[in-house]
């Protein structure tokens, strides 16, 4: 694995430890489905919960970025999206 190019990719399985209530940590394990905007200035991760979450398995959890303490990569998928950043992003004429 090229650690210089690690990125969150859709379909990968992650275990996320984040701040929960008061003195508790919240563990979220499942498949990364993408990012979502929460309000104006906040972004979150969309995680489809796996069987470790019991009755919640298959549900989507939104984990706000500002509460994430660590992310364990359990199964990384390669990024199948084309890198558009190499194309010209403005008009020259």
Protein backbone atom coordinates (compact mmCIF):
# COMPACT_ATOMS: atom_id res chain seq x y z
CA UNK A 1 0.00 0.00 0.00
CA UNK A 2 1.31 3.45 -0.92
CA UNK A 3 0.77 5.38 2.30
CA UNK A 4 1.30 8.71 0.55
CA UNK A 5 -1.90 8.15 -1.45
CA UNK A 6 -4.24 6.87 1.25
CA UNK A 7 -7.73 8.29 0.88
CA UNK A 8 -11.23 7.37 1.96
CA UNK A 9 -12.82 5.44 -0.89
CA UNK A 10 -16.42 4.40 -1.38
CA UNK A 11 -16.96 0.72 -0.68
CA UNK A 12 -14.07 0.49 1.79
CA UNK A 13 -14.74 -0.81 5.28
CA UNK A 14 -13.68 1.37 8.21
CA UNK A 15 -13.92 1.33 11.98
CA UNK A 16 -14.31 4.87 13.26
CA UNK A 17 -13.86 5.94 16.86
CA UNK A 18 -15.50 9.27 17.59
CA UNK A 19 -16.64 11.37 20.51
CA UNK A 20 -19.98 10.22 21.89
CA UNK A 21 -21.81 11.56 24.90
CA UNK A 22 -19.82 12.97 27.80
CA UNK A 23 -17.08 10.50 28.73
CA UNK A 24 -18.01 7.86 26.16
CA UNK A 25 -16.50 7.01 22.81
CA UNK A 26 -18.66 5.84 19.91
CA UNK A 27 -17.44 3.09 17.58
CA UNK A 28 -18.86 2.90 14.07
CA UNK A 29 -17.94 0.00 11.80
CA UNK A 30 -19.17 -0.37 8.26
CA UNK A 31 -18.92 0.52 4.59
CA UNK A 32 -18.02 4.06 3.56
CA UNK A 33 -20.69 5.48 1.23
CA UNK A 34 -19.37 9.01 0.76
CA UNK A 35 -19.45 12.47 2.28
CA UNK A 36 -22.41 14.68 3.15
CA UNK A 37 -22.75 18.37 3.95
CA UNK A 38 -24.38 19.05 7.30
CA UNK A 39 -25.66 22.60 7.44
CA UNK A 40 -23.38 25.28 6.03
CA UNK A 41 -19.89 24.56 7.35
CA UNK A 42 -19.90 20.93 8.45
CA UNK A 43 -19.10 17.72 6.60
CA UNK A 44 -19.75 14.16 7.69
CA UNK A 45 -18.97 10.61 6.61
CA UNK A 46 -21.79 8.34 5.46
CA UNK A 47 -21.24 4.86 6.89
CA UNK A 48 -23.52 1.87 6.23
CA UNK A 49 -23.44 -0.01 9.54
CA UNK A 50 -22.36 -3.66 9.49
CA UNK A 51 -23.70 -6.66 11.43
CA UNK A 52 -21.75 -5.68 14.57
CA UNK A 53 -24.43 -3.02 15.13
CA UNK A 54 -27.24 -5.57 15.57
CA UNK A 55 -30.67 -4.17 14.66
CA UNK A 56 -29.02 -1.08 13.18
CA UNK A 57 -27.16 -3.15 10.54
CA UNK A 58 -27.75 -1.78 7.06
CA UNK A 59 -28.71 1.68 8.33
CA UNK A 60 -26.69 4.77 7.43
CA UNK A 61 -24.84 6.67 10.18
CA UNK A 62 -23.56 10.19 9.60
CA UNK A 63 -20.35 10.83 11.53
CA UNK A 64 -19.43 14.55 11.64
CA UNK A 65 -15.74 15.07 10.83
CA UNK A 66 -15.09 17.25 13.89
CA UNK A 67 -15.85 14.38 16.32
CA UNK A 68 -13.64 11.72 14.67
CA UNK A 69 -10.69 10.62 16.79
CA UNK A 70 -9.34 7.82 14.60
CA UNK A 71 -10.16 5.68 11.59
CA UNK A 72 -9.04 2.06 11.25
CA UNK A 73 -8.89 0.82 7.66
CA UNK A 74 -10.28 -2.73 7.71
CA UNK A 75 -10.66 -3.28 3.95
CA UNK A 76 -9.52 -0.62 1.48
CA UNK A 77 -10.95 -0.46 -2.04
CA UNK A 78 -9.10 1.28 -4.84
CA UNK A 79 -10.45 4.57 -6.08
CA UNK A 80 -12.25 3.87 -9.35
CA UNK A 81 -13.12 7.51 -10.00
CA UNK A 82 -11.16 9.44 -12.61
CA UNK A 83 -8.94 12.19 -11.20
CA UNK A 84 -10.47 15.34 -12.68
CA UNK A 85 -7.93 17.57 -10.94
CA UNK A 86 -5.44 17.02 -13.76
CA UNK A 87 -7.79 18.59 -16.27
CA UNK A 88 -7.99 22.33 -16.78
CA UNK A 89 -10.51 23.72 -14.31
CA UNK A 90 -11.02 27.12 -15.94
CA UNK A 91 -11.68 28.56 -19.37
CA UNK A 92 -8.78 30.01 -21.33
CA UNK A 93 -9.83 31.74 -24.47
